[in-house]
């Protein structure tokens, strides 16, 4: 595997992850209008609220995903998601 091939695969993986993240969030129910009724996100929110005595804790996974679903990914979140996607793309290439 050449260096250029590795760089291209990592870049495509990073870009794909950043593009896919908002789509996946919306598909599971974390939308710009809030949590979609009867969705996977609604089940997560219900479980988190029950576990916390009636409310979703600030900074919890559900709160972070809802924030990303409503406002989009921040620069830091996009960098994290992109880094994970790039690493995954590179690792997939190494295995083949």
PDB file of N, CA and C in Angstrom:
ATOM      1  N   UNK A   1       0.850  -1.163   0.000  1.00  0.00           N
ATOM      2  CA  UNK A   1       0.000   0.000   0.000  1.00  0.00           C
ATOM      3  C   UNK A   1       0.898   1.229   0.000  1.00  0.00           C
ATOM      4  N   UNK A   2       0.607   2.120  -0.923  1.00  0.00           N
ATOM      5  CA  UNK A   2       1.390   3.340  -1.013  1.00  0.00           C
ATOM      6  C   UNK A   2       0.874   4.416  -0.082  1.00  0.00           C
ATOM      7  N   UNK A   3       1.707   5.378   0.160  1.00  0.00           N
ATOM      8  CA  UNK A   3       1.346   6.491   1.039  1.00  0.00           C
ATOM      9  C   UNK A   3       0.178   7.287   0.459  1.00  0.00           C
ATOM     10  N   UNK A   4       0.181   7.491  -0.848  1.00  0.00           N
ATOM     11  CA  UNK A   4      -0.900   8.237  -1.482  1.00  0.00           C
ATOM     12  C   UNK A   4      -2.225   7.495  -1.338  1.00  0.00           C
ATOM     13  N   UNK A   5      -2.217   6.182  -1.535  1.00  0.00           N
ATOM     14  CA  UNK A   5      -3.440   5.385  -1.374  1.00  0.00           C
ATOM     15  C   UNK A   5      -3.966   5.493   0.047  1.00  0.00           C
ATOM     16  N   UNK A   6      -3.070   5.379   1.024  1.00  0.00           N
ATOM     17  CA  UNK A   6      -3.475   5.478   2.428  1.00  0.00           C
ATOM     18  C   UNK A   6      -4.071   6.850   2.720  1.00  0.00           C
ATOM     19  N   UNK A   7      -3.472   7.899   2.195  1.00  0.00           N
ATOM     20  CA  UNK A   7      -3.971   9.258   2.428  1.00  0.00           C
ATOM     21  C   UNK A   7      -5.350   9.453   1.802  1.00  0.00           C
ATOM     22  N   UNK A   8      -5.547   8.930   0.604  1.00  0.00           N
ATOM     23  CA  UNK A   8      -6.838   9.068  -0.072  1.00  0.00           C
ATOM     24  C   UNK A   8      -7.923   8.313   0.693  1.00  0.00           C
ATOM     25  N   UNK A   9      -7.625   7.077   1.098  1.00  0.00           N
ATOM     26  CA  UNK A   9      -8.614   6.277   1.820  1.00  0.00           C
ATOM     27  C   UNK A   9      -8.964   6.926   3.154  1.00  0.00           C
ATOM     28  N   UNK A  10      -7.987   7.424   3.870  1.00  0.00           N
ATOM     29  CA  UNK A  10      -8.246   8.091   5.155  1.00  0.00           C
ATOM     30  C   UNK A  10      -9.074   9.360   4.950  1.00  0.00           C
ATOM     31  N   UNK A  11      -8.790  10.115   3.908  1.00  0.00           N
ATOM     32  CA  UNK A  11      -9.537  11.343   3.622  1.00  0.00           C
ATOM     33  C   UNK A  11     -10.982  11.040   3.255  1.00  0.00           C
ATOM     34  N   UNK A  12     -11.181  10.027   2.422  1.00  0.00           N
ATOM     35  CA  UNK A  12     -12.543   9.634   2.044  1.00  0.00           C
ATOM     36  C   UNK A  12     -13.309   9.132   3.268  1.00  0.00           C
ATOM     37  N   UNK A  13     -12.650   8.354   4.115  1.00  0.00           N
ATOM     38  CA  UNK A  13     -13.297   7.876   5.335  1.00  0.00           C
ATOM     39  C   UNK A  13     -13.682   9.017   6.257  1.00  0.00           C
ATOM     40  N   UNK A  14     -12.796   9.992   6.394  1.00  0.00           N
ATOM     41  CA  UNK A  14     -13.077  11.140   7.260  1.00  0.00           C
ATOM     42  C   UNK A  14     -14.236  11.961   6.708  1.00  0.00           C
ATOM     43  N   UNK A  15     -14.189  12.251   5.427  1.00  0.00           N
ATOM     44  CA  UNK A  15     -15.265  13.030   4.804  1.00  0.00           C
ATOM     45  C   UNK A  15     -16.596  12.307   4.857  1.00  0.00           C
ATOM     46  N   UNK A  16     -16.571  11.011   4.605  1.00  0.00           N
ATOM     47  CA  UNK A  16     -17.801  10.220   4.655  1.00  0.00           C
ATOM     48  C   UNK A  16     -18.418  10.219   6.040  1.00  0.00           C
ATOM     49  N   UNK A  17     -17.589  10.125   7.062  1.00  0.00           N
ATOM     50  CA  UNK A  17     -18.107  10.115   8.435  1.00  0.00           C
ATOM     51  C   UNK A  17     -18.730  11.451   8.804  1.00  0.00           C
ATOM     52  N   UNK A  18     -18.111  12.547   8.394  1.00  0.00           N
ATOM     53  CA  UNK A  18     -18.637  13.877   8.720  1.00  0.00           C
ATOM     54  C   UNK A  18     -19.962  14.113   7.990  1.00  0.00           C
ATOM     55  N   UNK A  19     -20.060  13.647   6.745  1.00  0.00           N
ATOM     56  CA  UNK A  19     -21.304  13.796   5.986  1.00  0.00           C
ATOM     57  C   UNK A  19     -22.389  12.880   6.534  1.00  0.00           C
ATOM     58  N   UNK A  20     -22.024  11.667   6.918  1.00  0.00           N
ATOM     59  CA  UNK A  20     -23.004  10.684   7.379  1.00  0.00           C
ATOM     60  C   UNK A  20     -23.546  10.972   8.775  1.00  0.00           C
ATOM     61  N   UNK A  21     -22.769  11.599   9.623  1.00  0.00           N
ATOM     62  CA  UNK A  21     -23.189  11.804  11.019  1.00  0.00           C
ATOM     63  C   UNK A  21     -24.539  12.507  11.149  1.00  0.00           C
ATOM     64  N   UNK A  22     -24.775  13.648  10.485  1.00  0.00           N
ATOM     65  CA  UNK A  22     -26.091  14.278  10.612  1.00  0.00           C
ATOM     66  C   UNK A  22     -27.218  13.419  10.046  1.00  0.00           C
ATOM     67  N   UNK A  23     -26.931  12.684   8.986  1.00  0.00           N
ATOM     68  CA  UNK A  23     -27.946  11.814   8.396  1.00  0.00           C
ATOM     69  C   UNK A  23     -28.321  10.690   9.351  1.00  0.00           C
ATOM     70  N   UNK A  24     -27.330  10.105   9.986  1.00  0.00           N
ATOM     71  CA  UNK A  24     -27.579   9.020  10.940  1.00  0.00           C
ATOM     72  C   UNK A  24     -28.320   9.553  12.160  1.00  0.00           C
ATOM     73  N   UNK A  25     -27.928  10.725  12.656  1.00  0.00           N
ATOM     74  CA  UNK A  25     -28.627  11.323  13.804  1.00  0.00           C
ATOM     75  C   UNK A  25     -30.107  11.534  13.479  1.00  0.00           C
ATOM     76  N   UNK A  26     -30.391  12.051  12.306  1.00  0.00           N
ATOM     77  CA  UNK A  26     -31.777  12.264  11.900  1.00  0.00           C
ATOM     78  C   UNK A  26     -32.528  10.954  11.741  1.00  0.00           C
ATOM     79  N   UNK A  27     -31.856   9.937  11.214  1.00  0.00           N
ATOM     80  CA  UNK A  27     -32.504   8.648  10.997  1.00  0.00           C
ATOM     81  C   UNK A  27     -32.909   7.968  12.299  1.00  0.00           C
ATOM     82  N   UNK A  28     -32.138   8.165  13.356  1.00  0.00           N
ATOM     83  CA  UNK A  28     -32.480   7.538  14.640  1.00  0.00           C
ATOM     84  C   UNK A  28     -33.389   8.423  15.491  1.00  0.00           C
ATOM     85  N   UNK A  29     -33.682   9.656  15.022  1.00  0.00           N
ATOM     86  CA  UNK A  29     -34.663  10.478  15.703  1.00  0.00           C
ATOM     87  C   UNK A  29     -34.176  11.754  16.355  1.00  0.00           C
ATOM     88  N   UNK A  30     -32.890  12.080  16.239  1.00  0.00           N
ATOM     89  CA  UNK A  30     -32.379  13.347  16.773  1.00  0.00           C
ATOM     90  C   UNK A  30     -32.463  14.374  15.650  1.00  0.00           C
ATOM     91  N   UNK A  31     -33.583  15.110  15.591  1.00  0.00           N
ATOM     92  CA  UNK A  31     -33.840  16.019  14.481  1.00  0.00           C
ATOM     93  C   UNK A  31     -33.694  17.477  14.915  1.00  0.00           C
ATOM     94  N   UNK A  32     -33.736  18.364  13.929  1.00  0.00           N
ATOM     95  CA  UNK A  32     -33.644  19.794  14.207  1.00  0.00           C
ATOM     96  C   UNK A  32     -34.852  20.297  14.994  1.00  0.00           C
ATOM     97  N   UNK A  33     -35.976  19.595  14.891  1.00  0.00           N
ATOM     98  CA  UNK A  33     -37.190  19.986  15.610  1.00  0.00           C
ATOM     99  C   UNK A  33     -37.272  19.352  16.998  1.00  0.00           C
ATOM    100  N   UNK A  34     -36.313  18.530  17.347  1.00  0.00           N
ATOM    101  CA  UNK A  34     -36.325  17.835  18.633  1.00  0.00           C
ATOM    102  C   UNK A  34     -36.330  16.333  18.429  1.00  0.00           C
ATOM    103  N   UNK A  35     -36.561  15.607  19.493  1.00  0.00           N
ATOM    104  CA  UNK A  35     -36.572  14.145  19.420  1.00  0.00           C
ATOM    105  C   UNK A  35     -37.864  13.702  18.745  1.00  0.00           C
ATOM    106  N   UNK A  36     -37.743  12.861  17.731  1.00  0.00           N
ATOM    107  CA  UNK A  36     -38.910  12.357  17.001  1.00  0.00           C
ATOM    108  C   UNK A  36     -39.649  11.324  17.851  1.00  0.00           C
ATOM    109  N   UNK A  37     -40.965  11.428  17.861  1.00  0.00           N
ATOM    110  CA  UNK A  37     -41.787  10.496  18.639  1.00  0.00           C
ATOM    111  C   UNK A  37     -41.608   9.067  18.134  1.00  0.00           C
ATOM    112  N   UNK A  38     -41.626   8.125  19.036  1.00  0.00           N
ATOM    113  CA  UNK A  38     -41.545   6.684  18.740  1.00  0.00           C
ATOM    114  C   UNK A  38     -40.271   6.295  17.994  1.00  0.00           C
ATOM    115  N   UNK A  39     -39.200   7.023  18.213  1.00  0.00           N
ATOM    116  CA  UNK A  39     -37.927   6.727  17.551  1.00  0.00           C
ATOM    117  C   UNK A  39     -36.956   6.104  18.552  1.00  0.00           C
ATOM    118  N   UNK A  40     -35.838   5.651  18.017  1.00  0.00           N
ATOM    119  CA  UNK A  40     -34.770   5.137  18.858  1.00  0.00           C
ATOM    120  C   UNK A  40     -34.292   6.224  19.826  1.00  0.00           C
ATOM    121  N   UNK A  41     -34.230   7.463  19.333  1.00  0.00           N
ATOM    122  CA  UNK A  41     -33.821   8.586  20.180  1.00  0.00           C
ATOM    123  C   UNK A  41     -34.814   8.789  21.325  1.00  0.00           C
ATOM    124  N   UNK A  42     -36.103   8.630  21.051  1.00  0.00           N
ATOM    125  CA  UNK A  42     -37.115   8.786  22.099  1.00  0.00           C
ATOM    126  C   UNK A  42     -36.942   7.713  23.169  1.00  0.00           C
ATOM    127  N   UNK A  43     -36.631   6.494  22.748  1.00  0.00           N
ATOM    128  CA  UNK A  43     -36.398   5.414  23.718  1.00  0.00           C
ATOM    129  C   UNK A  43     -35.162   5.710  24.561  1.00  0.00           C
ATOM    130  N   UNK A  44     -34.105   6.227  23.933  1.00  0.00           N
ATOM    131  CA  UNK A  44     -32.899   6.595  24.677  1.00  0.00           C
ATOM    132  C   UNK A  44     -33.199   7.695  25.683  1.00  0.00           C
ATOM    133  N   UNK A  45     -33.953   8.700  25.237  1.00  0.00           N
ATOM    134  CA  UNK A  45     -34.269   9.820  26.117  1.00  0.00           C
ATOM    135  C   UNK A  45     -35.130   9.361  27.293  1.00  0.00           C
ATOM    136  N   UNK A  46     -36.082   8.487  27.034  1.00  0.00           N
ATOM    137  CA  UNK A  46     -36.934   7.966  28.096  1.00  0.00           C
ATOM    138  C   UNK A  46     -36.116   7.193  29.126  1.00  0.00           C
ATOM    139  N   UNK A  47     -35.228   6.347  28.645  1.00  0.00           N
ATOM    140  CA  UNK A  47     -34.375   5.571  29.558  1.00  0.00           C
ATOM    141  C   UNK A  47     -33.478   6.473  30.391  1.00  0.00           C
ATOM    142  N   UNK A  48     -32.907   7.489  29.751  1.00  0.00           N
ATOM    143  CA  UNK A  48     -32.031   8.419  30.468  1.00  0.00           C
ATOM    144  C   UNK A  48     -32.814   9.199  31.512  1.00  0.00           C
ATOM    145  N   UNK A  49     -34.023   9.613  31.165  1.00  0.00           N
ATOM    146  CA  UNK A  49     -34.841  10.377  32.115  1.00  0.00           C
ATOM    147  C   UNK A  49     -35.241   9.519  33.308  1.00  0.00           C
ATOM    148  N   UNK A  50     -35.605   8.275  33.052  1.00  0.00           N
ATOM    149  CA  UNK A  50     -35.976   7.372  34.149  1.00  0.00           C
ATOM    150  C   UNK A  50     -34.771   7.131  35.056  1.00  0.00           C
ATOM    151  N   UNK A  51     -33.615   6.920  34.458  1.00  0.00           N
ATOM    152  CA  UNK A  51     -32.403   6.655  35.239  1.00  0.00           C
ATOM    153  C   UNK A  51     -31.984   7.854  36.074  1.00  0.00           C
ATOM    154  N   UNK A  52     -32.321   9.067  35.616  1.00  0.00           N
ATOM    155  CA  UNK A  52     -31.914  10.287  36.322  1.00  0.00           C
ATOM    156  C   UNK A  52     -33.036  10.902  37.141  1.00  0.00           C
ATOM    157  N   UNK A  53     -34.071  10.147  37.390  1.00  0.00           N
ATOM    158  CA  UNK A  53     -35.145  10.653  38.235  1.00  0.00           C
ATOM    159  C   UNK A  53     -36.070  11.646  37.563  1.00  0.00           C
ATOM    160  N   UNK A  54     -36.207  11.572  36.246  1.00  0.00           N
ATOM    161  CA  UNK A  54     -37.184  12.413  35.564  1.00  0.00           C
ATOM    162  C   UNK A  54     -36.640  13.409  34.565  1.00  0.00           C
ATOM    163  N   UNK A  55     -35.359  13.605  34.497  1.00  0.00           N
ATOM    164  CA  UNK A  55     -34.784  14.554  33.545  1.00  0.00           C
ATOM    165  C   UNK A  55     -33.528  13.996  32.914  1.00  0.00           C
ATOM    166  N   UNK A  56     -33.188  14.494  31.756  1.00  0.00           N
ATOM    167  CA  UNK A  56     -31.968  14.084  31.074  1.00  0.00           C
ATOM    168  C   UNK A  56     -30.830  14.971  31.569  1.00  0.00           C
ATOM    169  N   UNK A  57     -29.769  14.366  32.042  1.00  0.00           N
ATOM    170  CA  UNK A  57     -28.637  15.110  32.588  1.00  0.00           C
ATOM    171  C   UNK A  57     -27.895  15.885  31.497  1.00  0.00           C
ATOM    172  N   UNK A  58     -27.546  17.109  31.799  1.00  0.00           N
ATOM    173  CA  UNK A  58     -26.742  17.913  30.884  1.00  0.00           C
ATOM    174  C   UNK A  58     -25.394  17.228  30.687  1.00  0.00           C
ATOM    175  N   UNK A  59     -24.938  17.177  29.458  1.00  0.00           N
ATOM    176  CA  UNK A  59     -23.656  16.551  29.161  1.00  0.00           C
ATOM    177  C   UNK A  59     -23.737  15.057  28.954  1.00  0.00           C
ATOM    178  N   UNK A  60     -24.930  14.470  29.102  1.00  0.00           N
ATOM    179  CA  UNK A  60     -25.075  13.027  28.878  1.00  0.00           C
ATOM    180  C   UNK A  60     -25.042  12.741  27.374  1.00  0.00           C
ATOM    181  N   UNK A  61     -24.918  11.479  27.025  1.00  0.00           N
ATOM    182  CA  UNK A  61     -24.869  11.092  25.616  1.00  0.00           C
ATOM    183  C   UNK A  61     -26.119  11.569  24.885  1.00  0.00           C
ATOM    184  N   UNK A  62     -27.282  11.386  25.497  1.00  0.00           N
ATOM    185  CA  UNK A  62     -28.535  11.813  24.869  1.00  0.00           C
ATOM    186  C   UNK A  62     -28.528  13.322  24.645  1.00  0.00           C
ATOM    187  N   UNK A  63     -28.083  14.089  25.617  1.00  0.00           N
ATOM    188  CA  UNK A  63     -28.037  15.546  25.480  1.00  0.00           C
ATOM    189  C   UNK A  63     -27.074  15.973  24.376  1.00  0.00           C
ATOM    190  N   UNK A  64     -25.932  15.322  24.293  1.00  0.00           N
ATOM    191  CA  UNK A  64     -24.946  15.655  23.253  1.00  0.00           C
ATOM    192  C   UNK A  64     -25.486  15.323  21.870  1.00  0.00           C
ATOM    193  N   UNK A  65     -26.096  14.137  21.722  1.00  0.00           N
ATOM    194  CA  UNK A  65     -26.643  13.744  20.420  1.00  0.00           C
ATOM    195  C   UNK A  65     -27.796  14.658  20.006  1.00  0.00           C
ATOM    196  N   UNK A  66     -28.635  15.045  20.966  1.00  0.00           N
ATOM    197  CA  UNK A  66     -29.737  15.954  20.644  1.00  0.00           C
ATOM    198  C   UNK A  66     -29.204  17.308  20.217  1.00  0.00           C
ATOM    199  N   UNK A  67     -28.189  17.785  20.882  1.00  0.00           N
ATOM    200  CA  UNK A  67     -27.582  19.065  20.507  1.00  0.00           C
ATOM    201  C   UNK A  67     -27.023  18.995  19.090  1.00  0.00           C
ATOM    202  N   UNK A  68     -26.336  17.906  18.774  1.00  0.00           N
ATOM    203  CA  UNK A  68     -25.781  17.740  17.425  1.00  0.00           C
ATOM    204  C   UNK A  68     -26.896  17.600  16.398  1.00  0.00           C
ATOM    205  N   UNK A  69     -27.987  16.925  16.759  1.00  0.00           N
ATOM    206  CA  UNK A  69     -29.108  16.780  15.838  1.00  0.00           C
ATOM    207  C   UNK A  69     -29.803  18.096  15.555  1.00  0.00           C
ATOM    208  N   UNK A  70     -29.890  18.958  16.552  1.00  0.00           N
ATOM    209  CA  UNK A  70     -30.580  20.242  16.376  1.00  0.00           C
ATOM    210  C   UNK A  70     -29.700  21.298  15.717  1.00  0.00           C
ATOM    211  N   UNK A  71     -28.458  21.386  16.125  1.00  0.00           N
ATOM    212  CA  UNK A  71     -27.595  22.478  15.666  1.00  0.00           C
ATOM    213  C   UNK A  71     -26.545  22.040  14.657  1.00  0.00           C
ATOM    214  N   UNK A  72     -26.402  20.748  14.431  1.00  0.00           N
ATOM    215  CA  UNK A  72     -25.340  20.265  13.565  1.00  0.00           C
ATOM    216  C   UNK A  72     -24.076  20.033  14.374  1.00  0.00           C
ATOM    217  N   UNK A  73     -23.063  19.538  13.724  1.00  0.00           N
ATOM    218  CA  UNK A  73     -21.810  19.242  14.410  1.00  0.00           C
ATOM    219  C   UNK A  73     -20.976  20.505  14.567  1.00  0.00           C
ATOM    220  N   UNK A  74     -20.429  20.690  15.758  1.00  0.00           N
ATOM    221  CA  UNK A  74     -19.492  21.793  15.965  1.00  0.00           C
ATOM    222  C   UNK A  74     -18.180  21.442  15.266  1.00  0.00           C
ATOM    223  N   UNK A  75     -17.282  22.379  15.189  1.00  0.00           N
ATOM    224  CA  UNK A  75     -15.986  22.117  14.562  1.00  0.00           C
ATOM    225  C   UNK A  75     -15.237  21.015  15.301  1.00  0.00           C
ATOM    226  N   UNK A  76     -15.299  21.027  16.621  1.00  0.00           N
ATOM    227  CA  UNK A  76     -14.615  19.995  17.406  1.00  0.00           C
ATOM    228  C   UNK A  76     -15.242  18.632  17.168  1.00  0.00           C
ATOM    229  N   UNK A  77     -16.581  18.576  17.131  1.00  0.00           N
ATOM    230  CA  UNK A  77     -17.260  17.297  16.891  1.00  0.00           C
ATOM    231  C   UNK A  77     -16.979  16.797  15.487  1.00  0.00           C
ATOM    232  N   UNK A  78     -16.977  17.695  14.510  1.00  0.00           N
ATOM    233  CA  UNK A  78     -16.672  17.293  13.132  1.00  0.00           C
ATOM    234  C   UNK A  78     -15.251  16.746  13.042  1.00  0.00           C
ATOM    235  N   UNK A  79     -14.333  17.357  13.753  1.00  0.00           N
ATOM    236  CA  UNK A  79     -12.957  16.861  13.768  1.00  0.00           C
ATOM    237  C   UNK A  79     -12.853  15.484  14.401  1.00  0.00           C
ATOM    238  N   UNK A  80     -13.592  15.285  15.483  1.00  0.00           N
ATOM    239  CA  UNK A  80     -13.578  13.983  16.161  1.00  0.00           C
ATOM    240  C   UNK A  80     -14.182  12.906  15.277  1.00  0.00           C
ATOM    241  N   UNK A  81     -15.340  13.198  14.690  1.00  0.00           N
ATOM    242  CA  UNK A  81     -16.005  12.233  13.810  1.00  0.00           C
ATOM    243  C   UNK A  81     -15.136  11.964  12.586  1.00  0.00           C
ATOM    244  N   UNK A  82     -14.570  13.015  12.017  1.00  0.00           N
ATOM    245  CA  UNK A  82     -13.700  12.849  10.850  1.00  0.00           C
ATOM    246  C   UNK A  82     -12.464  12.036  11.164  1.00  0.00           C
ATOM    247  N   UNK A  83     -11.869  12.271  12.324  1.00  0.00           N
ATOM    248  CA  UNK A  83     -10.701  11.494  12.729  1.00  0.00           C
ATOM    249  C   UNK A  83     -11.026  10.017  12.882  1.00  0.00           C
ATOM    250  N   UNK A  84     -12.191   9.751  13.474  1.00  0.00           N
ATOM    251  CA  UNK A  84     -12.616   8.358  13.626  1.00  0.00           C
ATOM    252  C   UNK A  84     -12.878   7.705  12.285  1.00  0.00           C
ATOM    253  N   UNK A  85     -13.527   8.430  11.372  1.00  0.00           N
ATOM    254  CA  UNK A  85     -13.797   7.889  10.038  1.00  0.00           C
ATOM    255  C   UNK A  85     -12.525   7.660   9.244  1.00  0.00           C
ATOM    256  N   UNK A  86     -11.591   8.586   9.347  1.00  0.00           N
ATOM    257  CA  UNK A  86     -10.314   8.425   8.648  1.00  0.00           C
ATOM    258  C   UNK A  86      -9.528   7.235   9.172  1.00  0.00           C
ATOM    259  N   UNK A  87      -9.524   7.067  10.484  1.00  0.00           N
ATOM    260  CA  UNK A  87      -8.827   5.927  11.080  1.00  0.00           C
ATOM    261  C   UNK A  87      -9.467   4.624  10.643  1.00  0.00           C
ATOM    262  N   UNK A  88     -10.799   4.597  10.646  1.00  0.00           N
ATOM    263  CA  UNK A  88     -11.513   3.379  10.233  1.00  0.00           C
ATOM    264  C   UNK A  88     -11.221   3.056   8.771  1.00  0.00           C
ATOM    265  N   UNK A  89     -11.241   4.058   7.904  1.00  0.00           N
ATOM    266  CA  UNK A  89     -10.933   3.835   6.494  1.00  0.00           C
ATOM    267  C   UNK A  89      -9.525   3.303   6.301  1.00  0.00           C
ATOM    268  N   UNK A  90      -8.567   3.878   7.004  1.00  0.00           N
ATOM    269  CA  UNK A  90      -7.178   3.427   6.894  1.00  0.00           C
ATOM    270  C   UNK A  90      -7.026   1.993   7.403  1.00  0.00           C
ATOM    271  N   UNK A  91      -7.666   1.680   8.544  1.00  0.00           N
ATOM    272  CA  UNK A  91      -7.569   0.325   9.096  1.00  0.00           C
ATOM    273  C   UNK A  91      -8.203  -0.706   8.175  1.00  0.00           C
ATOM    274  N   UNK A  92      -9.310  -0.351   7.519  1.00  0.00           N
ATOM    275  CA  UNK A  92      -9.933  -1.264   6.562  1.00  0.00           C
ATOM    276  C   UNK A  92      -9.005  -1.533   5.399  1.00  0.00           C
ATOM    277  N   UNK A  93      -8.289  -0.522   4.944  1.00  0.00           N
ATOM    278  CA  UNK A  93      -7.352  -0.687   3.846  1.00  0.00           C
ATOM    279  C   UNK A  93      -6.191  -1.589   4.243  1.00  0.00           C
ATOM    280  N   UNK A  94      -5.700  -1.435   5.456  1.00  0.00           N
ATOM    281  CA  UNK A  94      -4.578  -2.251   5.930  1.00  0.00           C
ATOM    282  C   UNK A  94      -4.934  -3.722   5.980  1.00  0.00           C
ATOM    283  N   UNK A  95      -6.192  -4.050   6.309  1.00  0.00           N
ATOM    284  CA  UNK A  95      -6.613  -5.445   6.414  1.00  0.00           C
ATOM    285  C   UNK A  95      -6.773  -6.124   5.076  1.00  0.00           C
ATOM    286  N   UNK A  96      -7.004  -5.346   4.015  1.00  0.00           N
ATOM    287  CA  UNK A  96      -7.248  -5.975   2.721  1.00  0.00           C
ATOM    288  C   UNK A  96      -5.980  -6.306   1.974  1.00  0.00           C
TER     289      UNK A  96
END
